[in-house]
Amino acid sequence: MSSNLYHTQWSVLWLAMCWEKRDHRHFKRMHFPLFDDEEPPLDYGDNVLDVRPLEAIQLELDPEEDSAIIDWFYDPKPLINMPAINGPSYRYWSLTLPVMANLYHLGHTLLSDQPDNNASYLFDKKSFFTAKVLNIRRTKFNDINKVIIWQQIRTEYKVALLHLYNSLPCSVHLSPYHYPKNIYIRTDDPDLPAFYFDPFINPISLRGMTPKNAPLVSHEDVIFGPNDADEDEFELPGDIEPFLAKQPSQNDLAADGIGLWRAADPYNCCSRWTRCAQDVPLVKNWYLKHCPPGQPVKVRVLYQKLLKCFVLNELKSCSEKAMTRKNLFHQLQATKFVQMMRLDWVEAGLQVCRQGYNVLNLLIHRKYWLRNVDAFQLTDVLRYISAHIGALTGMYRYKYKLMQQVHMMKDLKHLIYYHFNTGPVGKGPGCGFGAPGWHVWLFFMCGIVPLLECWLGSLLACQFEGCNSKGIAKTVTKQHVESHYDLELRVAVIIRMISLI
């Protein structure tokens, strides 16, 4: 699936949930009890397999405005068997302009409303990297190469003017000082032409260039003369035509093309290699901007925490290196204790799938039935579970480092709430936008599974082959070899005494 299609589907889901919560004021959340570790999970085949699936959350598309995507937008595998993708592998996609315009029209809800890059001056990735590099504590008395400036220097000055307010800066990133001014104004009115005069854009006036006492003369009057002038004074030859006079100035796709030219990622490309669903950001552009004014303290703090996490991840990211990946199955097959058979691994795979279904069905408690709730309540409770999974399951007791994901889920919850519960959409339950939380736990599993695999491989090797530290055999003492002799002697003495009695 293409990244812009995935982004649009979640944007449409966001709109549908907003309208549902706006129209139904008394939205009730499912009462979810705490998980019991000793309670057996529900069996998928016995309890869930025969339950009819709920009606999916789908926004009703317009047959005329959404004609480019209405036939395949909600398919399980969109664009399959179509020339837009390379085949069933979905490795490459290429969409036409009408499809891109339709997706952008539905998916701009989750995008930022600030198209001008100058609004993020000193708030971009390069500026963050520079601020991180310059975070070196020095005193003004122990550095002979530092110029003492007694006037207070703001942090913005040090980041913007590196070589002026810093001594010998190194490993810094130079960010642009100014981008070309963007005066594009996106409109949602399809009846407006592609080129029109927007009242928000003021024309350039000559009042600042002329004396105060001089009469104001328009630019047209300067070139062609005043309105009351004789029309015969200026005439063009009859064979002169405007440039591109025979070509139309616009067509039906001109406005959409101009809008896509200024669109943000992922709508700024019509063809690209396919990305995994967990790699497509949905709310990252929210906290990469300045926090809106008037927000409470916890919202301003979560903006800082999420931004700090983003900068640290970008600094630690590096290009992928060719690594020799070890396969646990191949390691077990190389031992004399395990033999590989196709039927055995098929049976093991079926058991793993069955147990996986049982674990997932912990979300459906014995006291609740799937047929008693609708899709909006189900999405709301799934997002609630992912955001409060630490309190519901207590899994941080087994791996306390999991608290990092628990805190991040709390920050994402407040970030989504303060964007969702605005305007006619009031506070309370009803926000089932759970994709960011799913991303957090999915990346956690991607990181913890290789560690568990390595730990399990070491445990099996230690169990089957014995402990072998650096290939050096340790000396086994006589006491270690005959450690069972004392126990056997004690048992023999007791038996002898009982027989004498």
Protein backbone atom coordinates (compact mmCIF):
# COMPACT_ATOMS: atom_id res chain seq x y z
CA MET A 1 0.00 0.00 0.00
CA SER A 2 1.29 3.47 -0.85
CA SER A 3 2.11 5.83 2.00
CA ASN A 4 -0.32 8.53 0.85
CA LEU A 5 -3.16 6.00 0.58
CA TYR A 6 -2.43 4.71 4.09
CA HIS A 7 -2.33 8.29 5.40
CA THR A 8 -5.62 9.11 3.67
CA GLN A 9 -7.41 6.09 5.13
CA TRP A 10 -6.48 7.13 8.67
CA SER A 11 -7.46 10.73 7.91
CA VAL A 12 -10.88 9.56 6.75
CA LEU A 13 -11.19 7.49 9.93
CA TRP A 14 -10.33 10.62 11.95
CA LEU A 15 -13.12 12.57 10.22
CA ALA A 16 -15.65 9.77 10.71
CA MET A 17 -14.90 9.53 14.44
CA CYS A 18 -15.09 13.32 14.85
CA TRP A 19 -18.52 13.41 13.24
CA GLU A 20 -19.71 10.41 15.24
CA LYS A 21 -18.67 11.97 18.54
CA ARG A 22 -20.07 15.36 17.53
CA ASP A 23 -23.50 13.92 16.69
CA HIS A 24 -23.66 11.51 19.66
CA ARG A 25 -22.93 13.45 22.81
CA HIS A 26 -23.41 10.51 25.18
CA PHE A 27 -20.64 8.26 23.88
CA LYS A 28 -20.02 5.46 26.37
CA ARG A 29 -16.78 3.59 26.69
CA MET A 30 -16.67 -0.10 27.47
CA HIS A 31 -15.86 -0.75 31.11
CA PHE A 32 -12.68 -2.74 30.94
CA PRO A 33 -11.53 -4.59 34.09
CA LEU A 34 -7.95 -5.30 35.02
CA PHE A 35 -6.37 -8.31 33.40
CA ASP A 36 -5.97 -11.41 35.52
CA ASP A 37 -2.75 -13.29 34.83
CA GLU A 38 -4.27 -16.57 35.98
CA GLU A 39 -7.44 -16.33 33.91
CA PRO A 40 -7.25 -18.55 30.82
CA PRO A 41 -7.68 -16.70 27.53
CA LEU A 42 -10.71 -17.15 25.34
CA ASP A 43 -10.31 -19.64 22.55
CA TYR A 44 -10.62 -18.07 19.12
CA GLY A 45 -12.33 -21.04 17.50
CA ASP A 46 -14.89 -21.52 20.28
CA ASN A 47 -15.84 -17.91 21.05
CA VAL A 48 -14.92 -15.52 18.23
CA LEU A 49 -14.83 -17.49 14.99
CA ASP A 50 -18.62 -17.71 14.62
CA VAL A 51 -19.27 -14.07 15.58
CA ARG A 52 -20.26 -11.91 12.63
CA PRO A 53 -17.79 -9.04 12.04
CA LEU A 54 -18.90 -5.54 12.88
CA GLU A 55 -19.77 -2.99 10.25
CA ALA A 56 -16.56 -1.19 9.40
CA ILE A 57 -16.06 2.55 9.89
CA GLN A 58 -16.27 3.92 6.37
CA LEU A 59 -16.87 7.45 5.25
CA GLU A 60 -19.48 7.74 2.53
CA LEU A 61 -17.67 8.89 -0.61
CA ASP A 62 -19.26 11.11 -3.23
CA PRO A 63 -19.73 9.35 -6.60
CA GLU A 64 -18.74 12.50 -8.52
CA GLU A 65 -16.06 14.19 -6.40
CA ASP A 66 -14.44 10.90 -5.36
CA SER A 67 -14.92 9.04 -8.62
CA ALA A 68 -11.16 8.46 -9.00
CA ILE A 69 -10.88 6.32 -5.84
CA ILE A 70 -14.40 5.20 -4.94
CA ASP A 71 -14.07 1.79 -6.62
CA TRP A 72 -11.02 0.56 -4.68
CA PHE A 73 -10.45 2.87 -1.68
CA TYR A 74 -11.88 0.46 0.91
CA ASP A 75 -10.67 -2.78 -0.68
CA PRO A 76 -8.55 -5.12 1.47
CA LYS A 77 -5.79 -4.81 -1.14
CA PRO A 78 -6.29 -1.50 -2.95
CA LEU A 79 -4.95 -1.01 -6.47
CA ILE A 80 -4.35 -4.74 -6.89
CA ASN A 81 -4.22 -5.88 -10.53
CA MET A 82 -4.00 -2.26 -11.65
CA PRO A 83 -1.16 -0.48 -13.48
CA ALA A 84 -0.67 1.84 -10.49
CA ILE A 85 1.50 -0.77 -8.73
CA ASN A 86 4.12 -3.20 -9.96
CA GLY A 87 2.22 -6.30 -8.84
CA PRO A 88 1.14 -8.22 -5.72
CA SER A 89 4.41 -7.31 -3.97
CA TYR A 90 3.46 -3.60 -3.73
CA ARG A 91 7.11 -2.61 -3.99
CA TYR A 92 6.52 0.37 -6.23
CA TRP A 93 3.49 2.56 -6.91
CA SER A 94 2.70 5.35 -9.33
CA LEU A 95 -0.57 7.29 -9.11
CA THR A 96 -2.18 9.67 -11.57
CA LEU A 97 -2.94 13.32 -10.88
CA PRO A 98 -6.72 12.86 -10.32
CA VAL A 99 -6.05 10.08 -7.79
CA MET A 100 -3.39 12.12 -5.98
CA ALA A 101 -5.67 15.17 -5.86
CA ASN A 102 -8.54 13.13 -4.45
CA LEU A 103 -6.36 11.53 -1.79
CA TYR A 104 -4.93 14.91 -0.81
CA HIS A 105 -8.41 16.40 -0.56
CA LEU A 106 -9.41 13.71 1.95
CA GLY A 107 -6.11 13.37 3.77
CA HIS A 108 -5.04 16.95 4.49
CA THR A 109 -6.86 16.78 7.85
CA LEU A 110 -3.82 15.32 9.61
CA LEU A 111 -1.35 17.69 7.94
CA SER A 112 -0.04 20.98 9.21
CA ASP A 113 -1.83 24.17 8.20
CA GLN A 114 1.43 26.12 7.86
CA PRO A 115 2.83 25.75 4.32
CA ASP A 116 5.59 28.36 4.72
CA ASN A 117 8.96 26.94 5.77
CA ASN A 118 9.96 30.26 7.31
CA ALA A 119 7.51 29.60 10.14
CA SER A 120 9.82 26.82 11.36
CA TYR A 121 12.96 28.95 11.41
CA LEU A 122 15.37 27.62 14.08
CA PHE A 123 12.84 24.86 14.66
CA ASP A 124 14.05 22.36 12.08
CA LYS A 125 16.20 19.26 12.31
CA LYS A 126 19.50 20.98 11.49
CA SER A 127 18.92 23.64 14.14
CA PHE A 128 18.15 20.96 16.71
CA PHE A 129 21.35 19.10 15.84
CA THR A 130 23.36 22.30 16.16
CA ALA A 131 21.82 23.10 19.53
CA LYS A 132 22.66 19.57 20.67
CA VAL A 133 26.27 19.92 19.54
CA LEU A 134 26.69 23.31 21.23
CA ASN A 135 25.40 22.02 24.55
CA ILE A 136 28.92 22.08 26.08
CA ARG A 137 29.27 23.62 29.50
CA ARG A 138 32.22 25.95 29.93
CA THR A 139 32.92 28.68 32.41
CA LYS A 140 34.05 32.12 31.33
CA PHE A 141 37.22 31.95 33.40
CA ASN A 142 38.83 28.64 32.38
CA ASP A 143 38.72 29.03 28.58
CA ILE A 144 41.43 31.28 27.16
CA ASN A 145 40.02 31.05 23.63
CA LYS A 146 36.62 32.37 24.57
CA VAL A 147 35.65 36.02 24.28
CA ILE A 148 33.91 37.27 27.40
CA ILE A 149 30.63 38.98 26.50
CA TRP A 150 28.92 40.36 29.56
CA GLN A 151 25.63 40.99 27.81
CA GLN A 152 23.24 38.05 27.95
CA ILE A 153 23.25 36.04 24.74
CA ARG A 154 20.08 34.24 23.80
CA THR A 155 20.20 30.63 22.67
CA GLU A 156 18.63 31.55 19.33
CA TYR A 157 21.62 33.79 18.56
CA LYS A 158 24.07 30.96 19.17
CA VAL A 159 22.20 28.60 16.86
CA ALA A 160 21.45 31.12 14.10
CA LEU A 161 24.87 32.85 14.06
CA LEU A 162 27.21 29.99 14.86
CA HIS A 163 30.58 31.53 14.12
CA LEU A 164 29.77 34.85 15.75
CA TYR A 165 28.54 33.81 19.18
CA ASN A 166 30.49 30.54 19.58
CA SER A 167 34.18 29.79 19.86
CA LEU A 168 35.45 27.29 17.29
CA PRO A 169 32.18 25.44 16.65
CA CYS A 170 32.59 22.02 15.10
CA SER A 171 30.25 19.30 13.85
CA VAL A 172 27.48 21.85 13.44
CA HIS A 173 24.74 21.89 10.82
CA LEU A 174 24.11 25.07 8.85
CA SER A 175 20.42 25.65 8.22
CA PRO A 176 19.00 28.11 5.67
CA TYR A 177 18.49 31.62 6.96
CA HIS A 178 15.43 32.33 4.84
CA TYR A 179 13.26 30.47 2.34
CA PRO A 180 11.41 32.10 -0.55
CA LYS A 181 8.14 33.53 0.68
CA ASN A 182 5.23 31.19 0.11
CA ILE A 183 2.03 33.10 -0.61
CA TYR A 184 -0.01 30.09 -1.73
CA ILE A 185 -3.41 29.86 -0.02
CA ARG A 186 -5.15 26.52 -0.22
CA THR A 187 -8.89 26.66 -0.86
CA ASP A 188 -11.54 23.99 -0.44
CA ASP A 189 -14.00 25.60 -2.85
CA PRO A 190 -13.99 23.56 -6.10
CA ASP A 191 -15.84 26.32 -7.99
CA LEU A 192 -12.95 28.79 -7.77
CA PRO A 193 -10.61 28.93 -10.78
CA ALA A 194 -6.98 27.95 -10.54
CA PHE A 195 -5.78 31.57 -10.83
CA TYR A 196 -7.79 34.13 -8.88
CA PHE A 197 -7.18 37.11 -6.62
CA ASP A 198 -7.43 36.20 -2.95
CA PRO A 199 -8.48 39.09 -0.67
CA PHE A 200 -5.96 37.94 1.97
CA ILE A 201 -3.10 38.93 -0.34
CA ASN A 202 -2.74 42.72 -0.52
CA PRO A 203 -1.49 44.27 -3.76
CA ILE A 204 1.77 46.19 -3.79
CA SER A 205 1.06 49.88 -3.39
CA LEU A 206 3.11 52.87 -4.58
CA ARG A 207 2.30 54.93 -1.50
CA GLY A 208 5.64 54.15 0.11
CA MET A 209 7.59 55.29 -2.97
CA THR A 210 5.86 58.58 -3.78
CA PRO A 211 5.92 61.84 -1.81
CA LYS A 212 3.07 62.56 0.53
CA ASN A 213 1.88 65.60 -1.40
CA ALA A 214 2.01 63.92 -4.83
CA PRO A 215 -1.25 62.45 -6.16
CA LEU A 216 -1.50 58.68 -6.18
CA VAL A 217 -1.16 57.33 -9.72
CA SER A 218 -1.70 53.67 -10.51
CA HIS A 219 0.83 51.60 -12.43
CA GLU A 220 -1.56 51.24 -15.37
CA ASP A 221 -1.96 55.01 -15.62
CA VAL A 222 1.81 55.45 -15.66
CA ILE A 223 2.17 53.07 -18.63
CA PHE A 224 -0.99 53.76 -20.62
CA GLY A 225 -1.88 57.23 -19.37
CA PRO A 226 -4.83 58.39 -17.26
CA ASN A 227 -8.34 57.21 -17.91
CA ASP A 228 -9.41 60.49 -19.53
CA ALA A 229 -6.50 60.49 -21.99
CA ASP A 230 -7.03 60.21 -25.69
CA GLU A 231 -7.24 56.59 -26.75
CA ASP A 232 -5.41 57.34 -29.99
CA GLU A 233 -2.18 58.19 -28.21
CA PHE A 234 -1.23 54.53 -27.62
CA GLU A 235 -2.00 51.74 -30.04
CA LEU A 236 -0.55 48.28 -30.55
CA PRO A 237 0.06 46.86 -34.00
CA GLY A 238 -2.68 44.61 -35.23
CA ASP A 239 -0.46 41.54 -35.70
CA ILE A 240 0.67 41.39 -32.05
CA GLU A 241 -0.82 38.57 -29.96
CA PRO A 242 -0.26 37.66 -26.32
CA PHE A 243 2.08 34.83 -25.49
CA LEU A 244 0.40 31.40 -25.59
CA ALA A 245 -2.83 33.00 -26.76
CA LYS A 246 -4.00 29.77 -28.40
CA GLN A 247 -3.31 27.71 -25.30
CA PRO A 248 -5.80 27.56 -22.42
CA SER A 249 -4.56 29.19 -19.23
CA GLN A 250 -5.99 26.38 -17.09
CA ASN A 251 -7.89 23.12 -17.19
CA ASP A 252 -9.81 21.00 -14.71
CA LEU A 253 -6.63 19.69 -13.04
CA ALA A 254 -4.69 22.97 -12.84
CA ALA A 255 -5.83 23.87 -9.31
CA ASP A 256 -5.17 20.32 -8.07
CA GLY A 257 -1.70 20.32 -9.60
CA ILE A 258 -0.81 23.63 -7.93
CA GLY A 259 -2.08 22.32 -4.60
CA LEU A 260 -0.04 19.12 -4.87
CA TRP A 261 3.05 21.17 -5.78
CA ARG A 262 2.83 22.79 -2.33
CA ALA A 263 1.62 19.68 -0.51
CA ALA A 264 3.56 18.12 2.35
CA ASP A 265 4.82 14.57 2.60
CA PRO A 266 3.48 12.00 1.63
CA TYR A 267 1.40 13.85 -0.98
CA ASN A 268 4.33 15.56 -2.69
CA CYS A 269 5.29 12.52 -4.80
CA CYS A 270 3.23 10.71 -7.40
CA SER A 271 5.51 7.65 -7.49
CA ARG A 272 7.74 6.10 -4.86
CA TRP A 273 8.92 2.86 -3.38
CA THR A 274 6.43 1.36 -0.95
CA ARG A 275 7.04 1.90 2.75
CA CYS A 276 5.92 -0.33 5.59
CA ALA A 277 2.78 0.80 7.37
CA GLN A 278 4.61 1.26 10.67
CA ASP A 279 7.09 3.62 8.98
CA VAL A 280 4.46 6.09 7.75
CA PRO A 281 4.16 8.95 10.30
CA LEU A 282 0.68 10.25 11.07
CA VAL A 283 1.06 12.77 13.90
CA LYS A 284 4.78 13.54 13.81
CA ASN A 285 4.26 16.85 12.03
CA TRP A 286 2.17 18.05 15.00
CA TYR A 287 4.94 18.06 17.59
CA LEU A 288 7.62 19.14 15.10
CA LYS A 289 5.93 22.55 15.11
CA HIS A 290 5.64 25.10 17.87
CA CYS A 291 3.12 24.28 20.56
CA PRO A 292 -0.09 26.26 20.01
CA PRO A 293 -0.50 29.16 22.44
CA GLY A 294 -2.82 28.85 25.40
CA GLN A 295 -2.22 25.14 26.00
CA PRO A 296 -1.87 23.75 29.55
CA VAL A 297 1.49 22.88 31.05
CA LYS A 298 1.22 19.13 30.43
CA VAL A 299 0.67 19.73 26.71
CA ARG A 300 3.70 22.01 26.45
CA VAL A 301 5.78 19.46 28.33
CA LEU A 302 4.71 16.58 26.08
CA TYR A 303 5.63 18.64 23.01
CA GLN A 304 9.13 19.02 24.45
CA LYS A 305 9.42 15.34 25.37
CA LEU A 306 8.28 14.07 21.97
CA LEU A 307 10.53 16.55 20.19
CA LYS A 308 13.50 15.49 22.33
CA CYS A 309 12.81 11.83 21.55
CA PHE A 310 12.67 12.64 17.83
CA VAL A 311 16.01 14.48 17.90
CA LEU A 312 17.73 11.67 19.82
CA ASN A 313 16.40 9.05 17.40
CA GLU A 314 17.61 11.08 14.43
CA LEU A 315 21.06 11.48 15.97
CA LYS A 316 21.35 7.77 16.69
CA SER A 317 20.07 6.67 13.31
CA CYS A 318 22.70 5.43 10.89
CA SER A 319 22.79 3.68 7.57
CA GLU A 320 22.04 -0.01 7.58
CA LYS A 321 25.06 -2.29 7.60
CA ALA A 322 25.32 -5.74 6.14
CA MET A 323 25.00 -8.10 9.08
CA THR A 324 25.04 -11.87 9.26
CA ARG A 325 21.61 -12.73 10.56
CA LYS A 326 21.48 -15.91 12.59
CA ASN A 327 18.50 -18.18 12.21
CA LEU A 328 17.43 -20.00 15.35
CA PHE A 329 15.97 -22.90 13.38
CA HIS A 330 19.24 -23.46 11.55
CA GLN A 331 21.18 -23.40 14.81
CA LEU A 332 18.86 -25.98 16.34
CA GLN A 333 19.08 -28.14 13.23
CA ALA A 334 22.88 -28.19 13.51
CA THR A 335 22.68 -29.87 16.92
CA LYS A 336 22.22 -33.59 17.46
CA PHE A 337 19.19 -33.10 19.67
CA VAL A 338 16.80 -31.55 17.11
CA GLN A 339 15.75 -32.92 13.75
CA MET A 340 13.85 -30.91 11.18
CA MET A 341 10.77 -32.29 9.49
CA ARG A 342 8.23 -30.40 7.44
CA LEU A 343 5.26 -31.85 9.30
CA ASP A 344 6.74 -30.97 12.69
CA TRP A 345 7.31 -27.34 11.76
CA VAL A 346 3.85 -27.06 10.23
CA GLU A 347 2.34 -28.37 13.43
CA ALA A 348 4.50 -26.01 15.46
CA GLY A 349 3.42 -23.10 13.25
CA LEU A 350 -0.24 -23.96 13.77
CA GLN A 351 0.26 -24.09 17.51
CA VAL A 352 2.01 -20.72 17.48
CA CYS A 353 -0.83 -19.19 15.47
CA ARG A 354 -3.41 -20.68 17.80
CA GLN A 355 -1.65 -19.40 20.90
CA GLY A 356 -1.22 -16.02 19.24
CA TYR A 357 -4.96 -15.84 18.70
CA ASN A 358 -5.49 -16.75 22.34
CA VAL A 359 -3.21 -13.94 23.47
CA LEU A 360 -4.99 -11.43 21.24
CA ASN A 361 -8.32 -12.53 22.62
CA LEU A 362 -7.32 -11.30 26.04
CA LEU A 363 -8.69 -8.03 24.69
CA ILE A 364 -12.15 -9.61 24.69
CA HIS A 365 -13.06 -10.40 28.27
CA ARG A 366 -15.47 -13.10 29.35
CA LYS A 367 -18.00 -10.50 30.49
CA TYR A 368 -18.28 -8.85 27.05
CA TRP A 369 -19.46 -10.00 23.68
CA LEU A 370 -18.40 -8.55 20.38
CA ARG A 371 -21.93 -8.27 19.07
CA ASN A 372 -22.99 -5.85 21.83
CA VAL A 373 -20.72 -2.98 20.71
CA ASP A 374 -20.28 -1.08 17.49
CA ALA A 375 -17.09 -0.37 15.58
CA PHE A 376 -16.66 3.10 17.12
CA GLN A 377 -16.74 1.70 20.66
CA LEU A 378 -14.37 -1.10 19.69
CA THR A 379 -11.80 1.28 18.19
CA ASP A 380 -12.11 3.53 21.22
CA VAL A 381 -11.47 0.69 23.67
CA LEU A 382 -8.56 -0.65 21.59
CA ARG A 383 -6.90 2.76 21.69
CA TYR A 384 -7.65 2.96 25.42
CA ILE A 385 -6.01 -0.44 25.98
CA SER A 386 -2.86 0.49 24.05
CA ALA A 387 -2.60 3.79 25.97
CA HIS A 388 -3.17 2.22 29.42
CA ILE A 389 -1.67 -1.22 28.90
CA GLY A 390 0.79 -0.63 31.72
CA ALA A 391 -1.98 -0.15 34.29
CA LEU A 392 -4.20 -2.88 32.83
CA THR A 393 -1.62 -5.66 32.62
CA GLY A 394 1.29 -4.57 34.80
CA MET A 395 3.73 -5.89 32.21
CA TYR A 396 6.36 -3.39 33.33
CA ARG A 397 6.91 -5.67 36.34
CA TYR A 398 8.67 -8.12 34.05
CA LYS A 399 10.64 -5.56 32.05
CA TYR A 400 10.89 -2.18 33.75
CA LYS A 401 12.46 -0.58 30.69
CA LEU A 402 8.97 -0.86 29.25
CA MET A 403 8.13 2.31 31.18
CA GLN A 404 9.67 4.29 28.33
CA GLN A 405 6.90 3.09 26.02
CA VAL A 406 4.29 3.64 28.75
CA HIS A 407 5.33 7.29 29.14
CA MET A 408 5.39 7.80 25.38
CA MET A 409 1.87 6.39 25.09
CA LYS A 410 0.71 8.87 27.73
CA ASP A 411 2.21 11.78 25.79
CA LEU A 412 0.69 10.61 22.51
CA LYS A 413 -2.68 10.22 24.20
CA HIS A 414 -2.74 13.86 25.33
CA LEU A 415 -1.38 15.02 21.96
CA ILE A 416 -4.22 13.28 20.12
CA TYR A 417 -6.85 14.37 22.63
CA TYR A 418 -6.00 18.07 22.32
CA HIS A 419 -6.23 17.84 18.52
CA PHE A 420 -9.36 15.69 18.47
CA ASN A 421 -11.48 17.31 21.18
CA THR A 422 -11.69 20.76 19.58
CA GLY A 423 -14.59 22.81 18.26
CA PRO A 424 -17.95 21.02 18.30
CA VAL A 425 -16.24 17.78 19.40
CA GLY A 426 -16.27 17.92 23.18
CA LYS A 427 -14.22 16.12 25.78
CA GLY A 428 -14.74 12.55 26.88
CA PRO A 429 -14.40 9.09 25.32
CA GLY A 430 -14.86 8.51 21.62
CA CYS A 431 -11.39 8.92 20.10
CA GLY A 432 -10.38 5.65 18.48
CA PHE A 433 -7.32 6.94 16.63
CA GLY A 434 -4.97 4.17 17.72
CA ALA A 435 -2.40 4.04 14.91
CA PRO A 436 0.34 6.03 16.77
CA GLY A 437 0.03 3.75 19.79
CA TRP A 438 0.16 0.70 17.57
CA HIS A 439 3.38 2.06 16.06
CA VAL A 440 4.96 2.39 19.53
CA TRP A 441 4.23 -1.18 20.60
CA LEU A 442 5.07 -2.60 17.18
CA PHE A 443 8.53 -1.02 17.25
CA PHE A 444 8.95 -2.30 20.80
CA MET A 445 8.22 -5.84 19.64
CA CYS A 446 10.59 -5.43 16.68
CA GLY A 447 13.33 -4.53 19.14
CA ILE A 448 12.59 -7.05 21.87
CA VAL A 449 12.06 -10.14 19.66
CA PRO A 450 15.73 -10.35 18.52
CA LEU A 451 16.82 -10.04 22.15
CA LEU A 452 14.48 -12.85 23.16
CA GLU A 453 15.69 -14.93 20.23
CA CYS A 454 19.32 -14.44 21.27
CA TRP A 455 18.49 -15.26 24.88
CA LEU A 456 16.59 -18.40 23.89
CA GLY A 457 19.41 -19.52 21.61
CA SER A 458 21.97 -19.09 24.39
CA LEU A 459 19.73 -20.94 26.83
CA LEU A 460 19.28 -23.90 24.48
CA ALA A 461 22.98 -24.02 23.70
CA CYS A 462 23.79 -23.99 27.40
CA GLN A 463 21.21 -26.71 28.07
CA PHE A 464 22.25 -29.06 25.26
CA GLU A 465 25.96 -28.41 24.89
CA GLY A 466 26.88 -27.14 28.34
CA CYS A 467 28.49 -23.90 29.39
CA ASN A 468 31.61 -23.14 27.41
CA SER A 469 33.23 -19.86 28.37
CA LYS A 470 35.56 -18.60 25.61
CA GLY A 471 36.38 -22.17 24.57
CA ILE A 472 38.62 -22.81 27.61
CA ALA A 473 37.90 -26.01 29.51
CA LYS A 474 37.73 -25.53 33.25
CA THR A 475 39.38 -27.93 35.68
CA VAL A 476 36.86 -30.24 37.36
CA THR A 477 37.85 -31.03 40.93
CA LYS A 478 37.38 -34.36 42.65
CA GLN A 479 34.92 -32.76 45.05
CA HIS A 480 32.76 -31.69 42.11
CA VAL A 481 32.87 -35.17 40.54
CA GLU A 482 32.09 -37.03 43.78
CA SER A 483 29.61 -34.49 45.12
CA HIS A 484 26.89 -37.14 45.17
CA TYR A 485 28.95 -39.47 47.38
CA ASP A 486 27.97 -37.74 50.62
CA LEU A 487 24.28 -37.99 49.81
CA GLU A 488 24.53 -41.65 48.91
CA LEU A 489 26.50 -42.37 52.10
CA ARG A 490 23.86 -40.57 54.17
CA VAL A 491 21.04 -42.58 52.58
CA ALA A 492 22.95 -45.84 53.11
CA VAL A 493 23.53 -45.05 56.79
CA ILE A 494 19.84 -44.24 57.34
CA ILE A 495 18.74 -47.46 55.65
CA ARG A 496 21.20 -49.45 57.78
CA MET A 497 19.93 -47.87 60.99
CA ILE A 498 16.30 -48.55 60.07
CA SER A 499 17.09 -52.19 59.35
CA LEU A 500 18.75 -52.57 62.74
CA ILE A 501 15.74 -51.14 64.52
